[in-house]
Protein backbone atom coordinates (compact mmCIF):
# COMPACT_ATOMS: atom_id res chain seq x y z
CA UNK A 1 -81.54 26.68 -44.57
CA UNK A 2 -80.05 25.69 -41.05
CA UNK A 3 -82.20 24.06 -38.41
CA UNK A 4 -81.36 25.07 -34.69
CA UNK A 5 -82.60 22.78 -31.89
CA UNK A 6 -82.47 24.33 -28.47
CA UNK A 7 -82.77 21.70 -25.15
CA UNK A 8 -82.81 23.05 -21.73
CA UNK A 9 -80.92 21.21 -19.26
CA UNK A 10 -82.61 18.43 -17.24
CA UNK A 11 -83.52 19.18 -13.39
CA UNK A 12 -80.26 20.21 -11.57
CA UNK A 13 -79.38 18.39 -8.24
CA UNK A 14 -79.29 21.68 -6.19
CA UNK A 15 -80.83 24.90 -6.18
CA UNK A 16 -78.62 27.79 -7.94
CA UNK A 17 -78.60 29.57 -4.47
CA UNK A 18 -76.92 26.53 -2.73
CA UNK A 19 -74.45 25.73 -5.32
CA UNK A 20 -72.73 27.46 -8.40
CA UNK A 21 -72.52 24.81 -10.67
CA UNK A 22 -74.87 21.81 -9.65
CA UNK A 23 -75.00 18.76 -11.99
CA UNK A 24 -78.21 16.79 -12.66
CA UNK A 25 -80.33 15.13 -10.34
CA UNK A 26 -81.44 11.55 -10.96
CA UNK A 27 -84.73 12.82 -12.56
CA UNK A 28 -82.45 15.50 -14.64
CA UNK A 29 -80.42 12.52 -16.06
CA UNK A 30 -83.69 10.57 -16.98
CA UNK A 31 -85.11 13.52 -18.70
CA UNK A 32 -81.98 14.30 -20.80
CA UNK A 33 -81.94 10.39 -21.86
CA UNK A 34 -85.58 10.55 -22.69
CA UNK A 35 -85.24 13.90 -24.68
CA UNK A 36 -82.16 12.43 -26.85
CA UNK A 37 -83.98 9.37 -27.58
CA UNK A 38 -87.01 11.36 -28.68
CA UNK A 39 -85.04 13.91 -30.70
CA UNK A 40 -82.89 11.23 -32.10
CA UNK A 41 -85.66 10.45 -34.53
CA UNK A 42 -85.93 13.76 -35.90
CA UNK A 43 -82.39 15.64 -35.54
CA UNK A 44 -79.99 14.41 -38.36
CA UNK A 45 -77.13 12.22 -37.00
CA UNK A 46 -74.50 14.76 -38.19
CA UNK A 47 -75.80 17.72 -36.24
CA UNK A 48 -73.38 19.71 -34.23
CA UNK A 49 -73.66 19.73 -30.55
CA UNK A 50 -72.91 22.82 -28.56
CA UNK A 51 -73.22 23.19 -24.81
CA UNK A 52 -72.36 25.53 -21.97
CA UNK A 53 -69.55 24.57 -19.83
CA UNK A 54 -71.78 24.07 -16.75
CA UNK A 55 -71.96 20.76 -15.29
CA UNK A 56 -75.76 20.41 -15.98
CA UNK A 57 -75.62 21.17 -19.67
CA UNK A 58 -72.49 19.29 -20.13
CA UNK A 59 -74.50 16.05 -18.61
CA UNK A 60 -77.51 17.02 -20.49
CA UNK A 61 -75.69 16.81 -23.73
CA UNK A 62 -73.94 13.59 -23.05
CA UNK A 63 -76.70 11.39 -24.12
CA UNK A 64 -77.18 13.45 -27.64
CA UNK A 65 -73.41 12.71 -28.09
CA UNK A 66 -74.10 9.30 -27.96
């Protein structure tokens, strides 16, 4: 059986009506690092990481990628 783990991006630095592709805020980077640390205990190390090409999604995935 295949497991699928979904993680929503961290807090964006700008609201979506102000910027088309905002990156993460400082809090968003902290949220991503915390989520990666917590999930590393239960997600297999060889899990495949897929991400949207949006900055906030790529930045959220970075701590998971190591």
